[in-house]
C-alpha atoms as a PDB file:
ATOM      1  CA  MET A   1      22.147 -21.038 -51.952  1.00  0.00           C
ATOM      2  CA  VAL A   2      23.858 -18.143 -50.140  1.00  0.00           C
ATOM      3  CA  LEU A   3      20.963 -15.820 -50.910  1.00  0.00           C
ATOM      4  CA  ARG A   4      18.482 -18.359 -49.558  1.00  0.00           C
ATOM      5  CA  THR A   5      20.531 -18.782 -46.367  1.00  0.00           C
ATOM      6  CA  ASN A   6      20.720 -15.026 -45.878  1.00  0.00           C
ATOM      7  CA  ALA A   7      16.973 -14.743 -46.375  1.00  0.00           C
ATOM      8  CA  ILE A   8      16.333 -17.441 -43.757  1.00  0.00           C
ATOM      9  CA  VAL A   9      18.667 -15.739 -41.272  1.00  0.00           C
ATOM     10  CA  ALA A  10      16.989 -12.379 -41.900  1.00  0.00           C
ATOM     11  CA  ALA A  11      13.571 -13.922 -41.386  1.00  0.00           C
ATOM     12  CA  LEU A  12      14.682 -15.515 -38.098  1.00  0.00           C
ATOM     13  CA  LEU A  13      16.125 -12.225 -36.859  1.00  0.00           C
ATOM     14  CA  LEU A  14      12.899 -10.445 -37.751  1.00  0.00           C
ATOM     15  CA  ALA A  15      10.855 -13.050 -35.888  1.00  0.00           C
ATOM     16  CA  VAL A  16      13.054 -12.718 -32.784  1.00  0.00           C
ATOM     17  CA  SER A  17      12.763  -8.922 -32.967  1.00  0.00           C
ATOM     18  CA  LEU A  18       8.979  -9.127 -33.156  1.00  0.00           C
ATOM     19  CA  LEU A  19       8.819 -11.549 -30.227  1.00  0.00           C
ATOM     20  CA  THR A  20      11.072  -9.443 -28.008  1.00  0.00           C
ATOM     21  CA  TYR A  21       9.691  -6.073 -29.091  1.00  0.00           C
ATOM     22  CA  GLN A  22       8.166  -4.108 -26.245  1.00  0.00           C
ATOM     23  CA  ALA A  23       5.522  -1.518 -26.967  1.00  0.00           C
ATOM     24  CA  PRO A  24       6.170   2.036 -25.723  1.00  0.00           C
ATOM     25  CA  GLY A  25       3.567   1.681 -22.950  1.00  0.00           C
ATOM     26  CA  ALA A  26       4.754  -1.736 -21.779  1.00  0.00           C
ATOM     27  CA  SER A  27       7.415  -0.406 -19.423  1.00  0.00           C
ATOM     28  CA  ALA A  28       4.864   1.836 -17.694  1.00  0.00           C
ATOM     29  CA  ALA A  29       2.480  -1.109 -17.322  1.00  0.00           C
ATOM     30  CA  ASP A  30       5.242  -3.195 -15.773  1.00  0.00           C
ATOM     31  CA  ARG A  31       5.698  -0.511 -13.102  1.00  0.00           C
ATOM     32  CA  SER A  32       2.022  -0.422 -12.163  1.00  0.00           C
ATOM     33  CA  TRP A  33       0.817  -1.549  -8.720  1.00  0.00           C
ATOM     34  CA  GLN A  34      -2.464  -3.123  -7.631  1.00  0.00           C
ATOM     35  CA  VAL A  35      -4.331  -2.013  -4.513  1.00  0.00           C
ATOM     36  CA  SER A  36      -4.523  -5.139  -2.353  1.00  0.00           C
ATOM     37  CA  LYS A  37      -6.104  -3.502   0.666  1.00  0.00           C
ATOM     38  CA  ALA A  38      -7.101  -0.029   1.815  1.00  0.00           C
ATOM     39  CA  SER A  39      -8.700   1.453   4.906  1.00  0.00           C
ATOM     40  CA  GLY A  40      -9.505   4.911   6.199  1.00  0.00           C
ATOM     41  CA  GLU A  41      -8.907   8.092   4.187  1.00  0.00           C
ATOM     42  CA  VAL A  42      -7.132   7.523   0.876  1.00  0.00           C
ATOM     43  CA  TRP A  43      -6.741   9.828  -2.101  1.00  0.00           C
ATOM     44  CA  VAL A  44      -5.279   8.904  -5.487  1.00  0.00           C
ATOM     45  CA  THR A  45      -4.568  11.617  -8.031  1.00  0.00           C
ATOM     46  CA  ASN A  46      -2.931  11.803 -11.433  1.00  0.00           C
ATOM     47  CA  LEU A  47      -1.766  15.202 -12.667  1.00  0.00           C
ATOM     48  CA  GLY A  48      -4.122  16.843 -10.173  1.00  0.00           C
ATOM     49  CA  VAL A  49      -7.235  14.927 -11.242  1.00  0.00           C
ATOM     50  CA  GLN A  50      -9.007  13.043  -8.455  1.00  0.00           C
ATOM     51  CA  ARG A  51     -10.067   9.455  -9.020  1.00  0.00           C
ATOM     52  CA  ALA A  52     -13.547   8.325  -8.107  1.00  0.00           C
ATOM     53  CA  SER A  53     -12.706   5.402  -5.813  1.00  0.00           C
ATOM     54  CA  VAL A  54     -10.031   3.125  -4.395  1.00  0.00           C
ATOM     55  CA  THR A  55     -10.874  -0.587  -4.551  1.00  0.00           C
ATOM     56  CA  SER A  56      -9.109  -3.901  -5.035  1.00  0.00           C
ATOM     57  CA  GLU A  57      -9.493  -3.252  -8.776  1.00  0.00           C
ATOM     58  CA  THR A  58      -7.635   0.072  -8.632  1.00  0.00           C
ATOM     59  CA  THR A  59      -4.313   0.129 -10.486  1.00  0.00           C
ATOM     60  CA  ILE A  60      -1.638   2.636  -9.486  1.00  0.00           C
ATOM     61  CA  ARG A  61       0.442   3.588 -12.521  1.00  0.00           C
ATOM     62  CA  ALA A  62       3.474   5.735 -13.195  1.00  0.00           C
ATOM     63  CA  GLY A  63       2.547   9.366 -12.561  1.00  0.00           C
ATOM     64  CA  ASP A  64      -0.047   8.567  -9.873  1.00  0.00           C
ATOM     65  CA  GLN A  65       0.177  10.067  -6.402  1.00  0.00           C
ATOM     66  CA  ILE A  66      -1.237   8.475  -3.230  1.00  0.00           C
ATOM     67  CA  MET A  67      -2.034  10.457  -0.102  1.00  0.00           C
ATOM     68  CA  THR A  68      -3.342   8.953   3.130  1.00  0.00           C
ATOM     69  CA  GLY A  69      -5.079  10.852   5.904  1.00  0.00           C
ATOM     70  CA  GLN A  70      -5.013  10.408   9.648  1.00  0.00           C
ATOM     71  CA  THR A  71      -6.652   6.944   9.390  1.00  0.00           C
ATOM     72  CA  GLY A  72      -5.529   5.945   5.907  1.00  0.00           C
ATOM     73  CA  ARG A  73      -3.545   2.813   5.084  1.00  0.00           C
ATOM     74  CA  VAL A  74      -2.880   1.191   1.715  1.00  0.00           C
ATOM     75  CA  LEU A  75      -1.189  -2.042   0.702  1.00  0.00           C
ATOM     76  CA  LEU A  76       0.062  -2.120  -2.898  1.00  0.00           C
ATOM     77  CA  VAL A  77       1.177  -5.308  -4.619  1.00  0.00           C
ATOM     78  CA  ARG A  78       3.158  -5.815  -7.810  1.00  0.00           C
ATOM     79  CA  GLY A  79       4.041  -9.453  -8.418  1.00  0.00           C
ATOM     80  CA  GLU A  80       6.229 -10.455  -5.475  1.00  0.00           C
ATOM     81  CA  GLU A  81       6.761  -6.850  -4.419  1.00  0.00           C
ATOM     82  CA  THR A  82       4.702  -5.059  -1.765  1.00  0.00           C
ATOM     83  CA  MET A  83       4.483  -1.496  -0.482  1.00  0.00           C
ATOM     84  CA  LEU A  84       2.615  -0.680   2.728  1.00  0.00           C
ATOM     85  CA  ILE A  85       1.712   3.010   3.024  1.00  0.00           C
ATOM     86  CA  SER A  86       1.096   4.331   6.548  1.00  0.00           C
ATOM     87  CA  PRO A  87      -1.210   7.168   7.680  1.00  0.00           C
ATOM     88  CA  ASN A  88      -0.301  10.761   6.777  1.00  0.00           C
ATOM     89  CA  THR A  89       1.931   9.695   3.900  1.00  0.00           C
ATOM     90  CA  VAL A  90       2.403  11.113   0.398  1.00  0.00           C
ATOM     91  CA  ILE A  91       4.166   9.110  -2.320  1.00  0.00           C
ATOM     92  CA  ALA A  92       4.178   9.183  -6.112  1.00  0.00           C
ATOM     93  CA  ILE A  93       5.221   6.595  -8.697  1.00  0.00           C
ATOM     94  CA  SER A  94       7.649   8.497 -10.886  1.00  0.00           C
ATOM     95  CA  ASP A  95       7.213   8.255 -14.654  1.00  0.00           C
ATOM     96  CA  LYS A  96      10.792   9.417 -15.208  1.00  0.00           C
ATOM     97  CA  ASN A  97      13.388   6.925 -13.994  1.00  0.00           C
ATOM     98  CA  ALA A  98      17.111   7.676 -14.174  1.00  0.00           C
ATOM     99  CA  ASP A  99      20.399   5.791 -13.695  1.00  0.00           C
ATOM    100  CA  GLY A 100      18.937   2.492 -14.905  1.00  0.00           C
ATOM    101  CA  MET A 101      16.170   2.393 -12.288  1.00  0.00           C
ATOM    102  CA  THR A 102      12.969   0.620 -13.347  1.00  0.00           C
ATOM    103  CA  THR A 103      11.018   1.989 -10.353  1.00  0.00           C
ATOM    104  CA  THR A 104      11.366   5.293  -8.525  1.00  0.00           C
ATOM    105  CA  ILE A 105       9.143   6.202  -5.574  1.00  0.00           C
ATOM    106  CA  MET A 106       9.000   9.890  -4.707  1.00  0.00           C
ATOM    107  CA  GLN A 107       8.164  10.308  -1.005  1.00  0.00           C
ATOM    108  CA  ARG A 108       7.131  13.680   0.421  1.00  0.00           C
ATOM    109  CA  ALA A 109       5.810  12.705   3.877  1.00  0.00           C
ATOM    110  CA  GLY A 110       5.069   9.764   6.176  1.00  0.00           C
ATOM    111  CA  SER A 111       6.308   6.181   6.195  1.00  0.00           C
ATOM    112  CA  ILE A 112       6.359   3.233   3.795  1.00  0.00           C
ATOM    113  CA  LEU A 113       7.420  -0.381   4.227  1.00  0.00           C
ATOM    114  CA  LEU A 114       8.694  -2.132   1.108  1.00  0.00           C
ATOM    115  CA  GLU A 115       9.566  -5.662   0.046  1.00  0.00           C
ATOM    116  CA  VAL A 116      11.402  -5.463  -3.274  1.00  0.00           C
ATOM    117  CA  GLU A 117      12.086  -8.294  -5.703  1.00  0.00           C
ATOM    118  CA  LYS A 118      15.727  -9.375  -5.703  1.00  0.00           C
ATOM    119  CA  ARG A 119      17.687  -8.843  -8.934  1.00  0.00           C
ATOM    120  CA  ASN A 120      21.333  -8.775  -9.967  1.00  0.00           C
ATOM    121  CA  VAL A 121      21.334  -5.021 -10.532  1.00  0.00           C
ATOM    122  CA  LYS A 122      20.071  -1.986  -8.662  1.00  0.00           C
ATOM    123  CA  HIS A 123      16.596  -1.344  -9.998  1.00  0.00           C
ATOM    124  CA  PHE A 124      14.448   0.206  -7.231  1.00  0.00           C
ATOM    125  CA  GLU A 125      14.821   3.650  -5.665  1.00  0.00           C
ATOM    126  CA  VAL A 126      12.993   5.669  -3.008  1.00  0.00           C
ATOM    127  CA  ASP A 127      13.738   9.394  -3.217  1.00  0.00           C
ATOM    128  CA  THR A 128      12.954  11.799  -0.359  1.00  0.00           C
ATOM    129  CA  PRO A 129      13.807  15.500   0.115  1.00  0.00           C
ATOM    130  CA  TYR A 130      16.908  14.570   2.146  1.00  0.00           C
ATOM    131  CA  LEU A 131      18.131  11.164   0.965  1.00  0.00           C
ATOM    132  CA  ALA A 132      17.767   8.452  -1.655  1.00  0.00           C
ATOM    133  CA  ALA A 133      17.655   4.700  -1.007  1.00  0.00           C
ATOM    134  CA  VAL A 134      18.603   2.312  -3.834  1.00  0.00           C
ATOM    135  CA  VAL A 135      18.277  -1.486  -3.693  1.00  0.00           C
ATOM    136  CA  LYS A 136      18.745  -4.658  -5.727  1.00  0.00           C
ATOM    137  CA  GLY A 137      16.092  -6.411  -3.665  1.00  0.00           C
ATOM    138  CA  THR A 138      15.399  -6.267   0.041  1.00  0.00           C
ATOM    139  CA  LYS A 139      12.915  -5.425   2.770  1.00  0.00           C
ATOM    140  CA  PHE A 140      13.225  -1.953   4.268  1.00  0.00           C
ATOM    141  CA  SER A 141      11.272   1.080   5.462  1.00  0.00           C
ATOM    142  CA  VAL A 142      11.602   4.773   4.694  1.00  0.00           C
ATOM    143  CA  SER A 143      10.134   7.442   6.974  1.00  0.00           C
ATOM    144  CA  LEU A 144      10.064  11.197   6.643  1.00  0.00           C
ATOM    145  CA  ASP A 145       9.108  13.982   9.061  1.00  0.00           C
ATOM    146  CA  ASN A 146      10.102  17.539   9.896  1.00  0.00           C
ATOM    147  CA  ALA A 147      13.390  16.340  11.420  1.00  0.00           C
ATOM    148  CA  GLY A 148      14.629  14.498   8.322  1.00  0.00           C
ATOM    149  CA  SER A 149      14.572  11.083   6.611  1.00  0.00           C
ATOM    150  CA  HIS A 150      15.207   7.658   8.124  1.00  0.00           C
ATOM    151  CA  VAL A 151      15.890   4.308   6.402  1.00  0.00           C
ATOM    152  CA  GLU A 152      15.706   1.020   8.332  1.00  0.00           C
ATOM    153  CA  VAL A 153      16.821  -2.291   6.766  1.00  0.00           C
ATOM    154  CA  PHE A 154      15.294  -5.666   7.665  1.00  0.00           C
ATOM    155  CA  SER A 155      16.925  -7.913   5.042  1.00  0.00           C
ATOM    156  CA  GLY A 156      19.426  -7.500   2.222  1.00  0.00           C
ATOM    157  CA  GLN A 157      21.238  -4.184   1.975  1.00  0.00           C
ATOM    158  CA  VAL A 158      20.320  -0.640   0.970  1.00  0.00           C
ATOM    159  CA  ASP A 159      22.587   2.012  -0.552  1.00  0.00           C
ATOM    160  CA  VAL A 160      21.684   5.338   1.049  1.00  0.00           C
ATOM    161  CA  SER A 161      22.960   8.727  -0.119  1.00  0.00           C
ATOM    162  CA  SER A 162      22.484  12.201   1.360  1.00  0.00           C
ATOM    163  CA  HIS A 163      21.478  14.820  -1.201  1.00  0.00           C
ATOM    164  CA  LYS A 164      23.043  17.823   0.520  1.00  0.00           C
ATOM    165  CA  SER A 165      26.319  16.372   1.852  1.00  0.00           C
ATOM    166  CA  GLY A 166      26.856  13.640  -0.739  1.00  0.00           C
ATOM    167  CA  ASP A 167      27.491  11.015   1.982  1.00  0.00           C
ATOM    168  CA  ILE A 168      27.000   7.411   0.765  1.00  0.00           C
ATOM    169  CA  ALA A 169      26.696   4.290   2.918  1.00  0.00           C
ATOM    170  CA  GLN A 170      25.663   0.666   2.665  1.00  0.00           C
ATOM    171  CA  VAL A 171      23.104  -0.127   5.353  1.00  0.00           C
ATOM    172  CA  MET A 172      22.868  -3.765   6.433  1.00  0.00           C
ATOM    173  CA  PRO A 173      20.060  -5.740   8.180  1.00  0.00           C
ATOM    174  CA  GLY A 174      19.342  -4.454  11.684  1.00  0.00           C
ATOM    175  CA  GLN A 175      20.848  -1.065  10.859  1.00  0.00           C
ATOM    176  CA  ALA A 176      19.442   2.355  10.000  1.00  0.00           C
ATOM    177  CA  ALA A 177      20.597   5.530   8.285  1.00  0.00           C
ATOM    178  CA  THR A 178      19.342   9.012   9.143  1.00  0.00           C
ATOM    179  CA  VAL A 179      19.811  12.309   7.336  1.00  0.00           C
ATOM    180  CA  PHE A 180      18.610  15.367   9.239  1.00  0.00           C
ATOM    181  CA  ALA A 181      16.788  18.232   7.571  1.00  0.00           C
ATOM    182  CA  LYS A 182      18.820  20.955   9.273  1.00  0.00           C
ATOM    183  CA  GLY A 183      22.550  21.447   9.470  1.00  0.00           C
ATOM    184  CA  ALA A 184      25.104  19.937   7.118  1.00  0.00           C
ATOM    185  CA  SER A 185      22.844  16.920   6.467  1.00  0.00           C
ATOM    186  CA  ARG A 186      25.651  14.510   7.294  1.00  0.00           C
ATOM    187  CA  MET A 187      24.512  10.901   7.482  1.00  0.00           C
ATOM    188  CA  SER A 188      24.246   9.007  10.770  1.00  0.00           C
ATOM    189  CA  LEU A 189      24.408   5.192  10.963  1.00  0.00           C
ATOM    190  CA  THR A 190      23.070   3.160  13.897  1.00  0.00           C
ATOM    191  CA  GLY A 191      22.188  -0.457  14.626  1.00  0.00           C
ATOM    192  CA  SER A 192      23.650  -3.881  15.343  1.00  0.00           C
ATOM    193  CA  GLY A 193      26.768  -5.402  13.788  1.00  0.00           C
ATOM    194  CA  PRO A 194      29.725  -3.622  12.227  1.00  0.00           C
ATOM    195  CA  LEU A 195      28.800  -0.312  10.621  1.00  0.00           C
ATOM    196  CA  LEU A 196      30.389   0.157   7.202  1.00  0.00           C
ATOM    197  CA  PRO A 197      32.284   3.413   6.613  1.00  0.00           C
ATOM    198  CA  ILE A 198      30.442   6.416   5.198  1.00  0.00           C
ATOM    199  CA  GLU A 199      32.010   7.476   1.920  1.00  0.00           C
ATOM    200  CA  LYS A 200      32.064  10.916   0.370  1.00  0.00           C
ATOM    201  CA  GLY A 201      30.010  11.323  -2.785  1.00  0.00           C
ATOM    202  CA  VAL A 202      28.775  14.142  -4.969  1.00  0.00           C
ATOM    203  CA  PRO A 203      25.971  16.319  -3.522  1.00  0.00           C
ATOM    204  CA  ARG A 204      22.913  16.870  -5.676  1.00  0.00           C
ATOM    205  CA  SER A 205      19.667  18.790  -5.563  1.00  0.00           C
ATOM    206  CA  ALA A 206      16.602  17.063  -4.185  1.00  0.00           C
ATOM    207  CA  LEU A 207      14.005  16.102  -6.783  1.00  0.00           C
ATOM    208  CA  VAL A 208      11.065  16.281  -4.365  1.00  0.00           C
ATOM    209  CA  THR A 209      10.016  18.716  -1.629  1.00  0.00           C
ATOM    210  CA  ALA A 210       8.797  17.831   1.844  1.00  0.00           C
ATOM    211  CA  MET A 211       5.122  18.197   2.767  1.00  0.00           C
ATOM    212  CA  LYS A 212       4.362  19.297   6.314  1.00  0.00           C
ATOM    213  CA  VAL A 213       1.740  17.224   8.121  1.00  0.00           C
ATOM    214  CA  PRO A 214      -0.746  19.429  10.047  1.00  0.00           C
ATOM    215  CA  PRO A 215      -1.959  18.398  13.543  1.00  0.00           C
ATOM    216  CA  GLY A 216      -5.268  17.153  12.121  1.00  0.00           C
ATOM    217  CA  GLY A 217      -3.605  14.987   9.469  1.00  0.00           C
ATOM    218  CA  LEU A 218      -3.249  15.330   5.713  1.00  0.00           C
ATOM    219  CA  VAL A 219      -6.268  16.385   3.651  1.00  0.00           C
ATOM    220  CA  PRO A 220      -5.646  17.402   0.027  1.00  0.00           C
ATOM    221  CA  GLU A 221      -7.217  20.700  -0.931  1.00  0.00           C
ATOM    222  CA  GLY A 222     -10.304  20.227  -3.069  1.00  0.00           C
ATOM    223  CA  SER A 223     -10.284  16.429  -2.751  1.00  0.00           C
ATOM    224  CA  ARG A 224     -12.806  14.112  -1.154  1.00  0.00           C
ATOM    225  CA  PRO A 225     -11.550  11.278   1.102  1.00  0.00           C
ATOM    226  CA  VAL A 226     -12.330   7.763  -0.031  1.00  0.00           C
ATOM    227  CA  SER A 227     -12.928   5.568   3.023  1.00  0.00           C
ATOM    228  CA  ALA A 228     -12.478   1.912   2.340  1.00  0.00           C
ATOM    229  CA  ASN A 229     -12.874  -1.428   4.009  1.00  0.00           C
ATOM    230  CA  ARG A 230     -12.162  -3.349   0.855  1.00  0.00           C
ATOM    231  CA  ALA A 231     -12.664  -6.991  -0.042  1.00  0.00           C
ATOM    232  CA  ALA A 232      -9.043  -7.534  -1.063  1.00  0.00           C
ATOM    233  CA  SER A 233      -6.984  -9.262   1.594  1.00  0.00           C
ATOM    234  CA  VAL A 234      -3.300  -9.393   2.437  1.00  0.00           C
ATOM    235  CA  THR A 235      -1.581 -12.509   1.149  1.00  0.00           C
ATOM    236  CA  PRO A 236      -0.880 -14.983   3.989  1.00  0.00           C
ATOM    237  CA  GLU A 237       2.661 -15.547   2.711  1.00  0.00           C
ATOM    238  CA  ARG A 238       3.612 -12.083   3.993  1.00  0.00           C
ATOM    239  CA  PRO A 239       1.815 -11.674   7.329  1.00  0.00           C
ATOM    240  CA  GLN A 240       4.456  -9.236   8.541  1.00  0.00           C
ATOM    241  CA  LEU A 241       3.116  -6.708   6.039  1.00  0.00           C
ATOM    242  CA  ALA A 242      -0.518  -7.038   7.066  1.00  0.00           C
ATOM    243  CA  ILE A 243      -2.424  -3.831   7.707  1.00  0.00           C
ATOM    244  CA  ALA A 244      -3.815  -3.504  11.245  1.00  0.00           C
ATOM    245  CA  GLU A 245      -7.493  -4.385  11.050  1.00  0.00           C
ATOM    246  CA  ILE A 246      -9.680  -1.480  12.154  1.00  0.00           C
ATOM    247  CA  ALA A 247     -13.423  -1.890  12.587  1.00  0.00           C
ATOM    248  CA  PRO A 248     -15.444   0.699  10.651  1.00  0.00           C
ATOM    249  CA  ALA A 249     -17.204   3.492  12.498  1.00  0.00           C
ATOM    250  CA  GLY A 250     -20.084   2.199  14.578  1.00  0.00           C
ATOM    251  CA  ALA A 251     -19.163  -1.498  14.449  1.00  0.00           C
ATOM    252  CA  ARG A 252     -17.831  -1.629  18.001  1.00  0.00           C
ATOM    253  CA  GLU A 253     -20.812   0.312  19.276  1.00  0.00           C
ATOM    254  CA  VAL A 254     -23.222  -2.175  17.666  1.00  0.00           C
ATOM    255  CA  ALA A 255     -21.254  -5.100  19.074  1.00  0.00           C
ATOM    256  CA  SER A 256     -21.485  -3.703  22.619  1.00  0.00           C
ATOM    257  CA  LEU A 257     -25.275  -3.388  22.726  1.00  0.00           C
ATOM    258  CA  SER A 258     -26.981  -5.580  25.313  1.00  0.00           C
ATOM    259  CA  ASP A 259     -29.871  -7.953  24.557  1.00  0.00           C
ATOM    260  CA  ASP A 260     -32.461  -5.641  26.064  1.00  0.00           C
ATOM    261  CA  GLN A 261     -31.164  -2.564  24.210  1.00  0.00           C
ATOM    262  CA  SER A 262     -31.552  -3.585  20.595  1.00  0.00           C
ATOM    263  CA  LEU A 263     -33.118  -6.300  18.466  1.00  0.00           C
ATOM    264  CA  LEU A 264     -30.374  -5.641  15.938  1.00  0.00           C
ATOM    265  CA  HIS A 265     -27.816  -7.002  18.386  1.00  0.00           C
ATOM    266  CA  ASN A 266     -29.690 -10.297  18.623  1.00  0.00           C
ATOM    267  CA  ILE A 267     -29.882 -10.503  14.836  1.00  0.00           C
ATOM    268  CA  LEU A 268     -26.123  -9.892  14.542  1.00  0.00           C
ATOM    269  CA  VAL A 269     -25.410 -12.588  17.116  1.00  0.00           C
ATOM    270  CA  SER A 270     -27.582 -15.048  15.192  1.00  0.00           C
ATOM    271  CA  ILE A 271     -25.718 -14.203  11.975  1.00  0.00           C
ATOM    272  CA  PHE A 272     -22.211 -14.512  13.446  1.00  0.00           C
ATOM    273  CA  GLY A 273     -23.033 -17.510  15.650  1.00  0.00           C
ATOM    274  CA  SER A 274     -21.924 -16.199  19.027  1.00  0.00           C
ATOM    275  CA  GLU A 275     -21.064 -13.098  21.031  1.00  0.00           C
ATOM    276  CA  GLN A 276     -17.363 -13.921  20.617  1.00  0.00           C
ATOM    277  CA  GLN A 277     -17.614 -14.103  16.823  1.00  0.00           C
ATOM    278  CA  LEU A 278     -19.474 -10.800  16.751  1.00  0.00           C
ATOM    279  CA  GLU A 279     -16.836  -9.142  18.955  1.00  0.00           C
ATOM    280  CA  ARG A 280     -14.071 -10.353  16.617  1.00  0.00           C
ATOM    281  CA  TRP A 281     -15.819  -8.903  13.568  1.00  0.00           C
ATOM    282  CA  LYS A 282     -13.339  -7.175  11.240  1.00  0.00           C
ATOM    283  CA  PRO A 283     -13.655  -5.060   8.065  1.00  0.00           C
ATOM    284  CA  ASN A 284     -13.185  -8.119   5.842  1.00  0.00           C
ATOM    285  CA  ASP A 285     -16.450  -9.461   7.272  1.00  0.00           C
ATOM    286  CA  GLY A 286     -18.327  -6.404   6.050  1.00  0.00           C
ATOM    287  CA  MET A 287     -19.498  -8.295   2.990  1.00  0.00           C
ATOM    288  CA  ALA A 288     -20.883 -11.044   5.217  1.00  0.00           C
ATOM    289  CA  LEU A 289     -22.771  -8.448   7.221  1.00  0.00           C
ATOM    290  CA  ALA A 290     -24.103  -6.791   4.072  1.00  0.00           C
ATOM    291  CA  PHE A 291     -25.665 -10.074   2.952  1.00  0.00           C
ATOM    292  CA  GLY A 292     -26.232 -11.710   6.327  1.00  0.00           C
ATOM    293  CA  LEU A 293     -28.192  -8.890   7.958  1.00  0.00           C
ATOM    294  CA  PRO A 294     -30.997  -8.818   5.341  1.00  0.00           C
ATOM    295  CA  MET A 295     -31.096 -12.637   5.370  1.00  0.00           C
ATOM    296  CA  GLY A 296     -31.401 -12.667   9.153  1.00  0.00           C
ATOM    297  CA  ILE A 297     -34.212 -10.132   9.108  1.00  0.00           C
ATOM    298  CA  GLY A 298     -35.910 -12.085   6.311  1.00  0.00           C
ATOM    299  CA  PHE A 299     -35.614 -15.269   8.343  1.00  0.00           C
ATOM    300  CA  LEU A 300     -37.256 -13.672  11.370  1.00  0.00           C
ATOM    301  CA  VAL A 301     -40.066 -12.297   9.192  1.00  0.00           C
ATOM    302  CA  SER A 302     -40.602 -15.753   7.654  1.00  0.00           C
ATOM    303  CA  VAL A 303     -40.798 -17.408  11.075  1.00  0.00           C
ATOM    304  CA  SER A 304     -43.256 -14.774  12.243  1.00  0.00           C
ATOM    305  CA  VAL A 305     -45.492 -15.359   9.198  1.00  0.00           C
ATOM    306  CA  MET A 306     -45.382 -19.151   9.710  1.00  0.00           C
ATOM    307  CA  VAL A 307     -46.353 -18.813  13.377  1.00  0.00           C
ATOM    308  CA  GLN A 308     -49.213 -16.463  12.496  1.00  0.00           C
ATOM    309  CA  ARG A 309     -50.550 -18.838   9.829  1.00  0.00           C
ATOM    310  CA  ARG A 310     -50.445 -21.818  12.200  1.00  0.00           C
ATOM    311  CA  TRP A 311     -52.284 -19.799  14.826  1.00  0.00           C
ATOM    312  CA  GLN A 312     -54.946 -18.814  12.271  1.00  0.00           C
ATOM    313  CA  ARG A 313     -55.396 -22.476  11.207  1.00  0.00           C
ATOM    314  CA  ARG A 314     -55.845 -23.564  14.829  1.00  0.00           C
ATOM    315  CA  THR A 315     -58.414 -20.862  15.523  1.00  0.00           C
ATOM    316  CA  ARG A 316     -60.383 -21.834  12.403  1.00  0.00           C
ATOM    317  CA  ALA A 317     -60.352 -25.510  13.390  1.00  0.00           C
END
């Protein structure tokens, strides 16, 4: 009887182990992000190898690096978490997380805006050349330029630490922490409400180096920019994270043509319904234009053929 009971218990434990077992690649998959929207110049590389395209189907995994040019913007989504990458920004999804972090973003230039899922433990980190920001779940931004790094908090709280000085501070909503590139790299806190005291921690070496942004914007050597007005849209539940809509090159020029300047303008007006609708055309309507323009031209050709046939019938009669 005892042997049978032990066998049953062992079988149950084995079943639980199999159900809760996580494959070696599962943790990396859990850290992957989906491109929700992209516009302008965007490059995605992994170990120095350029990817062919950036679309709504593109998955950003651990080890991938994203660089945006002068006009580049990218919105990444992972479950309830979002990361908006601004122009002239370089970030990488680290494949080596430490101190219990499940996600580490390595930022070398530019600005990002993040909304991180709330948990009971610290699980998300953004590391820059001058400071690190660690959160349990919040909405905050991290920016980096030649002067230093800057963290601004919109909700929740962010633990910010200076690499060089070891300063540590909790930054609350409406507040910001700045660590300057030159000098002693002491932390500066600003914002509304009571500022919590800055504590002394242990200095450490930065894990990432800064990338200088040239006057003409970032362009990776040997890489080809991938311009994108993609079909994926920003979820309406988070309108504050929406990317500014920018019409593709030439769209505004086409919309400003007068009736006597181009037949194409009249066709576009007929497709969109009015001058106002045409003027409000955005990149997300590019698919409608791609299908609507040939249909409009086909419609005009069909009408022309019908009129010609009727005229021929009348002349024969």
